[in-house]
Amino acid sequence: MAAMVEIYTWSTCPFCIRAKALLTKKGVDFTEYCIDGDEVAREKMAQRSYGRTSLPQIFINDQHIGGCDDLYALESQGKLDPLLQISVVE
């Protein structure tokens, strides 16, 4: 079963685009919340992300992962696939 992935974004944010590109490359289905100018949605995101207001903010199975750099760090450490429950065949 695939993980539930949610990402809060701003439509023109280069870090948001980069994070979504990695998830898409890995074949991950995700729910995107584009919060351009929506302060209510941004406040909800901040509450979920322990006060972080930068974008993107990424959640896997309701666990706060962080932003784009955090997502790529997990990938480089080999820790992202287990979170996403992707079986890697080599």
PDB file of N, CA and C in Angstrom:
ATOM      1  N   MET A   1       0.838  -1.182   0.000  1.00  0.00           N
ATOM      2  CA  MET A   1       0.000   0.000   0.000  1.00  0.00           C
ATOM      3  C   MET A   1       0.882   1.244   0.000  1.00  0.00           C
ATOM      4  N   ALA A   2       0.497   2.223  -0.772  1.00  0.00           N
ATOM      5  CA  ALA A   2       1.273   3.456  -0.882  1.00  0.00           C
ATOM      6  C   ALA A   2       0.974   4.384   0.290  1.00  0.00           C
ATOM      7  N   ALA A   3       1.936   5.188   0.613  1.00  0.00           N
ATOM      8  CA  ALA A   3       1.791   6.169   1.682  1.00  0.00           C
ATOM      9  C   ALA A   3       0.888   7.313   1.238  1.00  0.00           C
ATOM     10  N   MET A   4       0.287   7.978   2.222  1.00  0.00           N
ATOM     11  CA  MET A   4      -0.492   9.183   1.938  1.00  0.00           C
ATOM     12  C   MET A   4       0.472  10.364   2.009  1.00  0.00           C
ATOM     13  N   VAL A   5       0.664  11.037   0.884  1.00  0.00           N
ATOM     14  CA  VAL A   5       1.599  12.147   0.808  1.00  0.00           C
ATOM     15  C   VAL A   5       0.804  13.429   0.529  1.00  0.00           C
ATOM     16  N   GLU A   6       1.083  14.449   1.348  1.00  0.00           N
ATOM     17  CA  GLU A   6       0.450  15.750   1.180  1.00  0.00           C
ATOM     18  C   GLU A   6       1.546  16.792   1.094  1.00  0.00           C
ATOM     19  N   ILE A   7       1.337  17.785   0.217  1.00  0.00           N
ATOM     20  CA  ILE A   7       2.323  18.840   0.061  1.00  0.00           C
ATOM     21  C   ILE A   7       1.608  20.182  -0.086  1.00  0.00           C
ATOM     22  N   TYR A   8       2.000  21.117   0.755  1.00  0.00           N
ATOM     23  CA  TYR A   8       1.498  22.487   0.671  1.00  0.00           C
ATOM     24  C   TYR A   8       2.453  23.265  -0.215  1.00  0.00           C
ATOM     25  N   THR A   9       1.893  23.960  -1.208  1.00  0.00           N
ATOM     26  CA  THR A   9       2.728  24.647  -2.188  1.00  0.00           C
ATOM     27  C   THR A   9       2.230  26.060  -2.484  1.00  0.00           C
ATOM     28  N   TRP A  10       3.084  26.788  -3.182  1.00  0.00           N
ATOM     29  CA  TRP A  10       2.776  28.079  -3.786  1.00  0.00           C
ATOM     30  C   TRP A  10       3.062  27.856  -5.264  1.00  0.00           C
ATOM     31  N   SER A  11       2.199  28.257  -6.157  1.00  0.00           N
ATOM     32  CA  SER A  11       2.287  27.860  -7.561  1.00  0.00           C
ATOM     33  C   SER A  11       3.600  28.216  -8.252  1.00  0.00           C
ATOM     34  N   THR A  12       4.238  29.323  -7.876  1.00  0.00           N
ATOM     35  CA  THR A  12       5.469  29.723  -8.559  1.00  0.00           C
ATOM     36  C   THR A  12       6.733  29.460  -7.746  1.00  0.00           C
ATOM     37  N   CYS A  13       6.608  28.770  -6.652  1.00  0.00           N
ATOM     38  CA  CYS A  13       7.739  28.505  -5.760  1.00  0.00           C
ATOM     39  C   CYS A  13       8.674  27.454  -6.384  1.00  0.00           C
ATOM     40  N   PRO A  14       9.950  27.810  -6.643  1.00  0.00           N
ATOM     41  CA  PRO A  14      10.860  26.839  -7.253  1.00  0.00           C
ATOM     42  C   PRO A  14      11.127  25.622  -6.364  1.00  0.00           C
ATOM     43  N   PHE A  15      11.113  25.806  -5.055  1.00  0.00           N
ATOM     44  CA  PHE A  15      11.337  24.662  -4.157  1.00  0.00           C
ATOM     45  C   PHE A  15      10.136  23.719  -4.179  1.00  0.00           C
ATOM     46  N   CYS A  16       8.941  24.276  -4.307  1.00  0.00           N
ATOM     47  CA  CYS A  16       7.727  23.458  -4.414  1.00  0.00           C
ATOM     48  C   CYS A  16       7.763  22.636  -5.697  1.00  0.00           C
ATOM     49  N   ILE A  17       8.145  23.282  -6.784  1.00  0.00           N
ATOM     50  CA  ILE A  17       8.227  22.612  -8.077  1.00  0.00           C
ATOM     51  C   ILE A  17       9.257  21.490  -8.016  1.00  0.00           C
ATOM     52  N   ARG A  18      10.380  21.742  -7.374  1.00  0.00           N
ATOM     53  CA  ARG A  18      11.453  20.742  -7.259  1.00  0.00           C
ATOM     54  C   ARG A  18      11.002  19.548  -6.407  1.00  0.00           C
ATOM     55  N   ALA A  19      10.308  19.819  -5.303  1.00  0.00           N
ATOM     56  CA  ALA A  19       9.825  18.737  -4.429  1.00  0.00           C
ATOM     57  C   ALA A  19       8.796  17.880  -5.161  1.00  0.00           C
ATOM     58  N   LYS A  20       7.872  18.527  -5.870  1.00  0.00           N
ATOM     59  CA  LYS A  20       6.862  17.779  -6.624  1.00  0.00           C
ATOM     60  C   LYS A  20       7.512  16.959  -7.731  1.00  0.00           C
ATOM     61  N   ALA A  21       8.576  17.495  -8.333  1.00  0.00           N
ATOM     62  CA  ALA A  21       9.273  16.766  -9.397  1.00  0.00           C
ATOM     63  C   ALA A  21       9.876  15.467  -8.870  1.00  0.00           C
ATOM     64  N   LEU A  22      10.464  15.517  -7.677  1.00  0.00           N
ATOM     65  CA  LEU A  22      11.040  14.297  -7.098  1.00  0.00           C
ATOM     66  C   LEU A  22       9.945  13.275  -6.816  1.00  0.00           C
ATOM     67  N   LEU A  23       8.851  13.713  -6.229  1.00  0.00           N
ATOM     68  CA  LEU A  23       7.752  12.791  -5.929  1.00  0.00           C
ATOM     69  C   LEU A  23       7.181  12.196  -7.215  1.00  0.00           C
ATOM     70  N   THR A  24       7.024  13.022  -8.229  1.00  0.00           N
ATOM     71  CA  THR A  24       6.499  12.545  -9.511  1.00  0.00           C
ATOM     72  C   THR A  24       7.458  11.558 -10.153  1.00  0.00           C
ATOM     73  N   LYS A  25       8.756  11.862 -10.109  1.00  0.00           N
ATOM     74  CA  LYS A  25       9.778  10.970 -10.671  1.00  0.00           C
ATOM     75  C   LYS A  25       9.728   9.600 -10.003  1.00  0.00           C
ATOM     76  N   LYS A  26       9.414   9.594  -8.721  1.00  0.00           N
ATOM     77  CA  LYS A  26       9.350   8.341  -7.981  1.00  0.00           C
ATOM     78  C   LYS A  26       7.994   7.652  -8.149  1.00  0.00           C
ATOM     79  N   GLY A  27       7.088   8.274  -8.911  1.00  0.00           N
ATOM     80  CA  GLY A  27       5.781   7.674  -9.154  1.00  0.00           C
ATOM     81  C   GLY A  27       4.833   7.771  -7.973  1.00  0.00           C
ATOM     82  N   VAL A  28       5.045   8.758  -7.122  1.00  0.00           N
ATOM     83  CA  VAL A  28       4.242   8.911  -5.909  1.00  0.00           C
ATOM     84  C   VAL A  28       3.005   9.753  -6.200  1.00  0.00           C
ATOM     85  N   ASP A  29       1.850   9.245  -5.824  1.00  0.00           N
ATOM     86  CA  ASP A  29       0.628  10.040  -5.868  1.00  0.00           C
ATOM     87  C   ASP A  29       0.619  10.915  -4.628  1.00  0.00           C
ATOM     88  N   PHE A  30       0.301  12.177  -4.810  1.00  0.00           N
ATOM     89  CA  PHE A  30       0.269  13.079  -3.659  1.00  0.00           C
ATOM     90  C   PHE A  30      -0.887  14.050  -3.797  1.00  0.00           C
ATOM     91  N   THR A  31      -1.319  14.558  -2.659  1.00  0.00           N
ATOM     92  CA  THR A  31      -2.348  15.583  -2.618  1.00  0.00           C
ATOM     93  C   THR A  31      -1.649  16.916  -2.459  1.00  0.00           C
ATOM     94  N   GLU A  32      -1.926  17.819  -3.386  1.00  0.00           N
ATOM     95  CA  GLU A  32      -1.304  19.142  -3.339  1.00  0.00           C
ATOM     96  C   GLU A  32      -2.313  20.167  -2.859  1.00  0.00           C
ATOM     97  N   TYR A  33      -1.879  20.977  -1.891  1.00  0.00           N
ATOM     98  CA  TYR A  33      -2.674  22.098  -1.427  1.00  0.00           C
ATOM     99  C   TYR A  33      -1.955  23.366  -1.872  1.00  0.00           C
ATOM    100  N   CYS A  34      -2.398  23.945  -2.979  1.00  0.00           N
ATOM    101  CA  CYS A  34      -1.806  25.180  -3.477  1.00  0.00           C
ATOM    102  C   CYS A  34      -2.450  26.327  -2.699  1.00  0.00           C
ATOM    103  N   ILE A  35      -1.660  26.983  -1.862  1.00  0.00           N
ATOM    104  CA  ILE A  35      -2.233  27.956  -0.921  1.00  0.00           C
ATOM    105  C   ILE A  35      -1.892  29.395  -1.295  1.00  0.00           C
ATOM    106  N   ASP A  36      -1.719  29.673  -2.573  1.00  0.00           N
ATOM    107  CA  ASP A  36      -1.421  31.034  -3.045  1.00  0.00           C
ATOM    108  C   ASP A  36      -2.365  32.052  -2.402  1.00  0.00           C
ATOM    109  N   GLY A  37      -1.831  32.903  -1.566  1.00  0.00           N
ATOM    110  CA  GLY A  37      -2.614  33.988  -0.989  1.00  0.00           C
ATOM    111  C   GLY A  37      -3.680  33.593   0.007  1.00  0.00           C
ATOM    112  N   ASP A  38      -3.773  32.315   0.364  1.00  0.00           N
ATOM    113  CA  ASP A  38      -4.807  31.835   1.289  1.00  0.00           C
ATOM    114  C   ASP A  38      -4.222  31.764   2.697  1.00  0.00           C
ATOM    115  N   GLU A  39      -4.390  32.828   3.455  1.00  0.00           N
ATOM    116  CA  GLU A  39      -3.799  32.899   4.797  1.00  0.00           C
ATOM    117  C   GLU A  39      -4.408  31.890   5.772  1.00  0.00           C
ATOM    118  N   VAL A  40      -5.678  31.547   5.592  1.00  0.00           N
ATOM    119  CA  VAL A  40      -6.311  30.546   6.453  1.00  0.00           C
ATOM    120  C   VAL A  40      -5.649  29.185   6.241  1.00  0.00           C
ATOM    121  N   ALA A  41      -5.435  28.826   4.972  1.00  0.00           N
ATOM    122  CA  ALA A  41      -4.770  27.555   4.655  1.00  0.00           C
ATOM    123  C   ALA A  41      -3.328  27.568   5.141  1.00  0.00           C
ATOM    124  N   ARG A  42      -2.653  28.719   5.010  1.00  0.00           N
ATOM    125  CA  ARG A  42      -1.264  28.812   5.469  1.00  0.00           C
ATOM    126  C   ARG A  42      -1.192  28.633   6.982  1.00  0.00           C
ATOM    127  N   GLU A  43      -2.153  29.174   7.714  1.00  0.00           N
ATOM    128  CA  GLU A  43      -2.199  29.007   9.162  1.00  0.00           C
ATOM    129  C   GLU A  43      -2.426  27.543   9.536  1.00  0.00           C
ATOM    130  N   LYS A  44      -3.297  26.874   8.814  1.00  0.00           N
ATOM    131  CA  LYS A  44      -3.531  25.440   9.062  1.00  0.00           C
ATOM    132  C   LYS A  44      -2.242  24.649   8.827  1.00  0.00           C
ATOM    133  N   MET A  45      -1.554  24.993   7.735  1.00  0.00           N
ATOM    134  CA  MET A  45      -0.282  24.334   7.437  1.00  0.00           C
ATOM    135  C   MET A  45       0.725  24.579   8.562  1.00  0.00           C
ATOM    136  N   ALA A  46       0.806  25.814   9.030  1.00  0.00           N
ATOM    137  CA  ALA A  46       1.752  26.161  10.093  1.00  0.00           C
ATOM    138  C   ALA A  46       1.445  25.384  11.372  1.00  0.00           C
ATOM    139  N   GLN A  47       0.180  25.200  11.665  1.00  0.00           N
ATOM    140  CA  GLN A  47      -0.187  24.419  12.853  1.00  0.00           C
ATOM    141  C   GLN A  47       0.265  22.971  12.699  1.00  0.00           C
ATOM    142  N   ARG A  48       0.108  22.409  11.515  1.00  0.00           N
ATOM    143  CA  ARG A  48       0.510  21.018  11.269  1.00  0.00           C
ATOM    144  C   ARG A  48       2.031  20.859  11.256  1.00  0.00           C
ATOM    145  N   SER A  49       2.740  21.934  10.853  1.00  0.00           N
ATOM    146  CA  SER A  49       4.191  21.832  10.656  1.00  0.00           C
ATOM    147  C   SER A  49       4.977  22.487  11.791  1.00  0.00           C
ATOM    148  N   TYR A  50       4.379  22.520  12.965  1.00  0.00           N
ATOM    149  CA  TYR A  50       5.070  23.025  14.163  1.00  0.00           C
ATOM    150  C   TYR A  50       5.563  24.459  13.984  1.00  0.00           C
ATOM    151  N   GLY A  51       4.731  25.278  13.342  1.00  0.00           N
ATOM    152  CA  GLY A  51       5.044  26.696  13.198  1.00  0.00           C
ATOM    153  C   GLY A  51       5.789  27.091  11.940  1.00  0.00           C
ATOM    154  N   ARG A  52       6.193  26.130  11.144  1.00  0.00           N
ATOM    155  CA  ARG A  52       6.923  26.471   9.916  1.00  0.00           C
ATOM    156  C   ARG A  52       5.964  27.056   8.888  1.00  0.00           C
ATOM    157  N   THR A  53       6.351  28.175   8.305  1.00  0.00           N
ATOM    158  CA  THR A  53       5.499  28.841   7.325  1.00  0.00           C
ATOM    159  C   THR A  53       6.118  28.881   5.930  1.00  0.00           C
ATOM    160  N   SER A  54       7.338  28.379   5.785  1.00  0.00           N
ATOM    161  CA  SER A  54       7.966  28.343   4.463  1.00  0.00           C
ATOM    162  C   SER A  54       7.318  27.240   3.627  1.00  0.00           C
ATOM    163  N   LEU A  55       7.472  27.365   2.331  1.00  0.00           N
ATOM    164  CA  LEU A  55       6.893  26.381   1.426  1.00  0.00           C
ATOM    165  C   LEU A  55       7.987  25.730   0.607  1.00  0.00           C
ATOM    166  N   PRO A  56       7.822  24.462   0.254  1.00  0.00           N
ATOM    167  CA  PRO A  56       6.689  23.615   0.574  1.00  0.00           C
ATOM    168  C   PRO A  56       6.798  23.042   1.982  1.00  0.00           C
ATOM    169  N   GLN A  57       5.714  22.498   2.453  1.00  0.00           N
ATOM    170  CA  GLN A  57       5.719  21.677   3.658  1.00  0.00           C
ATOM    171  C   GLN A  57       5.122  20.341   3.248  1.00  0.00           C
ATOM    172  N   ILE A  58       5.819  19.267   3.615  1.00  0.00           N
ATOM    173  CA  ILE A  58       5.479  17.935   3.131  1.00  0.00           C
ATOM    174  C   ILE A  58       5.162  17.028   4.310  1.00  0.00           C
ATOM    175  N   PHE A  59       4.112  16.227   4.124  1.00  0.00           N
ATOM    176  CA  PHE A  59       3.670  15.272   5.139  1.00  0.00           C
ATOM    177  C   PHE A  59       3.532  13.909   4.489  1.00  0.00           C
ATOM    178  N   ILE A  60       4.035  12.891   5.159  1.00  0.00           N
ATOM    179  CA  ILE A  60       3.864  11.510   4.705  1.00  0.00           C
ATOM    180  C   ILE A  60       3.181  10.763   5.833  1.00  0.00           C
ATOM    181  N   ASN A  61       2.000  10.222   5.534  1.00  0.00           N
ATOM    182  CA  ASN A  61       1.177   9.541   6.548  1.00  0.00           C
ATOM    183  C   ASN A  61       1.001  10.413   7.792  1.00  0.00           C
ATOM    184  N   ASP A  62       0.675  11.680   7.574  1.00  0.00           N
ATOM    185  CA  ASP A  62       0.455  12.667   8.633  1.00  0.00           C
ATOM    186  C   ASP A  62       1.704  13.005   9.443  1.00  0.00           C
ATOM    187  N   GLN A  63       2.848  12.484   9.047  1.00  0.00           N
ATOM    188  CA  GLN A  63       4.108  12.820   9.712  1.00  0.00           C
ATOM    189  C   GLN A  63       4.744  13.982   8.964  1.00  0.00           C
ATOM    190  N   HIS A  64       5.103  15.032   9.703  1.00  0.00           N
ATOM    191  CA  HIS A  64       5.722  16.194   9.078  1.00  0.00           C
ATOM    192  C   HIS A  64       7.141  15.844   8.646  1.00  0.00           C
ATOM    193  N   ILE A  65       7.419  15.998   7.367  1.00  0.00           N
ATOM    194  CA  ILE A  65       8.740  15.702   6.808  1.00  0.00           C
ATOM    195  C   ILE A  65       9.589  16.960   6.749  1.00  0.00           C
ATOM    196  N   GLY A  66       8.954  18.088   6.428  1.00  0.00           N
ATOM    197  CA  GLY A  66       9.663  19.350   6.293  1.00  0.00           C
ATOM    198  C   GLY A  66       9.501  19.895   4.899  1.00  0.00           C
ATOM    199  N   GLY A  67      10.531  20.594   4.428  1.00  0.00           N
ATOM    200  CA  GLY A  67      10.480  21.230   3.118  1.00  0.00           C
ATOM    201  C   GLY A  67      11.220  20.450   2.057  1.00  0.00           C
ATOM    202  N   CYS A  68      11.508  21.136   0.973  1.00  0.00           N
ATOM    203  CA  CYS A  68      12.165  20.528  -0.179  1.00  0.00           C
ATOM    204  C   CYS A  68      13.532  19.949   0.188  1.00  0.00           C
ATOM    205  N   ASP A  69      14.348  20.733   0.885  1.00  0.00           N
ATOM    206  CA  ASP A  69      15.683  20.251   1.262  1.00  0.00           C
ATOM    207  C   ASP A  69      15.595  19.021   2.155  1.00  0.00           C
ATOM    208  N   ASP A  70      14.609  18.996   3.041  1.00  0.00           N
ATOM    209  CA  ASP A  70      14.425  17.838   3.919  1.00  0.00           C
ATOM    210  C   ASP A  70      14.046  16.596   3.108  1.00  0.00           C
ATOM    211  N   LEU A  71      13.182  16.789   2.109  1.00  0.00           N
ATOM    212  CA  LEU A  71      12.763  15.680   1.257  1.00  0.00           C
ATOM    213  C   LEU A  71      13.955  15.112   0.491  1.00  0.00           C
ATOM    214  N   TYR A  72      14.768  15.989  -0.088  1.00  0.00           N
ATOM    215  CA  TYR A  72      15.944  15.542  -0.838  1.00  0.00           C
ATOM    216  C   TYR A  72      16.999  14.915   0.082  1.00  0.00           C
ATOM    217  N   ALA A  73      17.092  15.398   1.315  1.00  0.00           N
ATOM    218  CA  ALA A  73      18.025  14.791   2.274  1.00  0.00           C
ATOM    219  C   ALA A  73      17.605  13.358   2.582  1.00  0.00           C
ATOM    220  N   LEU A  74      16.318  13.145   2.783  1.00  0.00           N
ATOM    221  CA  LEU A  74      15.827  11.784   3.015  1.00  0.00           C
ATOM    222  C   LEU A  74      16.137  10.890   1.825  1.00  0.00           C
ATOM    223  N   GLU A  75      15.962  11.426   0.624  1.00  0.00           N
ATOM    224  CA  GLU A  75      16.248  10.657  -0.592  1.00  0.00           C
ATOM    225  C   GLU A  75      17.730  10.292  -0.654  1.00  0.00           C
ATOM    226  N   SER A  76      18.617  11.236  -0.385  1.00  0.00           N
ATOM    227  CA  SER A  76      20.056  10.966  -0.488  1.00  0.00           C
ATOM    228  C   SER A  76      20.537  10.010   0.600  1.00  0.00           C
ATOM    229  N   GLN A  77      19.829   9.959   1.725  1.00  0.00           N
ATOM    230  CA  GLN A  77      20.176   9.047   2.818  1.00  0.00           C
ATOM    231  C   GLN A  77      19.524   7.676   2.662  1.00  0.00           C
ATOM    232  N   GLY A  78      18.729   7.509   1.611  1.00  0.00           N
ATOM    233  CA  GLY A  78      18.043   6.236   1.392  1.00  0.00           C
ATOM    234  C   GLY A  78      16.872   6.014   2.339  1.00  0.00           C
ATOM    235  N   LYS A  79      16.364   7.078   2.939  1.00  0.00           N
ATOM    236  CA  LYS A  79      15.280   6.949   3.920  1.00  0.00           C
ATOM    237  C   LYS A  79      13.904   7.311   3.358  1.00  0.00           C
ATOM    238  N   LEU A  80      13.868   7.848   2.148  1.00  0.00           N
ATOM    239  CA  LEU A  80      12.587   8.266   1.594  1.00  0.00           C
ATOM    240  C   LEU A  80      11.745   7.082   1.130  1.00  0.00           C
ATOM    241  N   ASP A  81      12.353   6.155   0.414  1.00  0.00           N
ATOM    242  CA  ASP A  81      11.591   5.013  -0.099  1.00  0.00           C
ATOM    243  C   ASP A  81      10.886   4.228   1.008  1.00  0.00           C
ATOM    244  N   PRO A  82      11.557   3.935   2.127  1.00  0.00           N
ATOM    245  CA  PRO A  82      10.832   3.234   3.198  1.00  0.00           C
ATOM    246  C   PRO A  82       9.620   4.029   3.711  1.00  0.00           C
ATOM    247  N   LEU A  83       9.752   5.349   3.784  1.00  0.00           N
ATOM    248  CA  LEU A  83       8.613   6.160   4.205  1.00  0.00           C
ATOM    249  C   LEU A  83       7.471   6.092   3.206  1.00  0.00           C
ATOM    250  N   LEU A  84       7.833   6.004   1.936  1.00  0.00           N
ATOM    251  CA  LEU A  84       6.838   5.958   0.876  1.00  0.00           C
ATOM    252  C   LEU A  84       6.351   4.533   0.617  1.00  0.00           C
ATOM    253  N   GLN A  85       6.992   3.585   1.258  1.00  0.00           N
ATOM    254  CA  GLN A  85       6.667   2.155   1.095  1.00  0.00           C
ATOM    255  C   GLN A  85       6.789   1.724  -0.344  1.00  0.00           C
ATOM    256  N   ILE A  86       7.881   2.164  -0.961  1.00  0.00           N
ATOM    257  CA  ILE A  86       8.170   1.777  -2.340  1.00  0.00           C
ATOM    258  C   ILE A  86       9.209   0.669  -2.293  1.00  0.00           C
ATOM    259  N   SER A  87       8.927  -0.415  -2.977  1.00  0.00           N
ATOM    260  CA  SER A  87       9.929  -1.470  -3.045  1.00  0.00           C
ATOM    261  C   SER A  87      10.800  -1.193  -4.254  1.00  0.00           C
ATOM    262  N   VAL A  88      12.081  -1.063  -4.008  1.00  0.00           N
ATOM    263  CA  VAL A  88      13.033  -0.747  -5.065  1.00  0.00           C
ATOM    264  C   VAL A  88      13.623  -2.059  -5.567  1.00  0.00           C
ATOM    265  N   VAL A  89      13.463  -2.310  -6.853  1.00  0.00           N
ATOM    266  CA  VAL A  89      13.991  -3.529  -7.466  1.00  0.00           C
ATOM    267  C   VAL A  89      15.234  -3.146  -8.258  1.00  0.00           C
ATOM    268  N   GLU A  90      16.331  -3.817  -7.957  1.00  0.00           N
ATOM    269  CA  GLU A  90      17.574  -3.514  -8.673  1.00  0.00           C
ATOM    270  C   GLU A  90      17.978  -4.690  -9.522  1.00  0.00           C
TER     271      GLU A  90
END
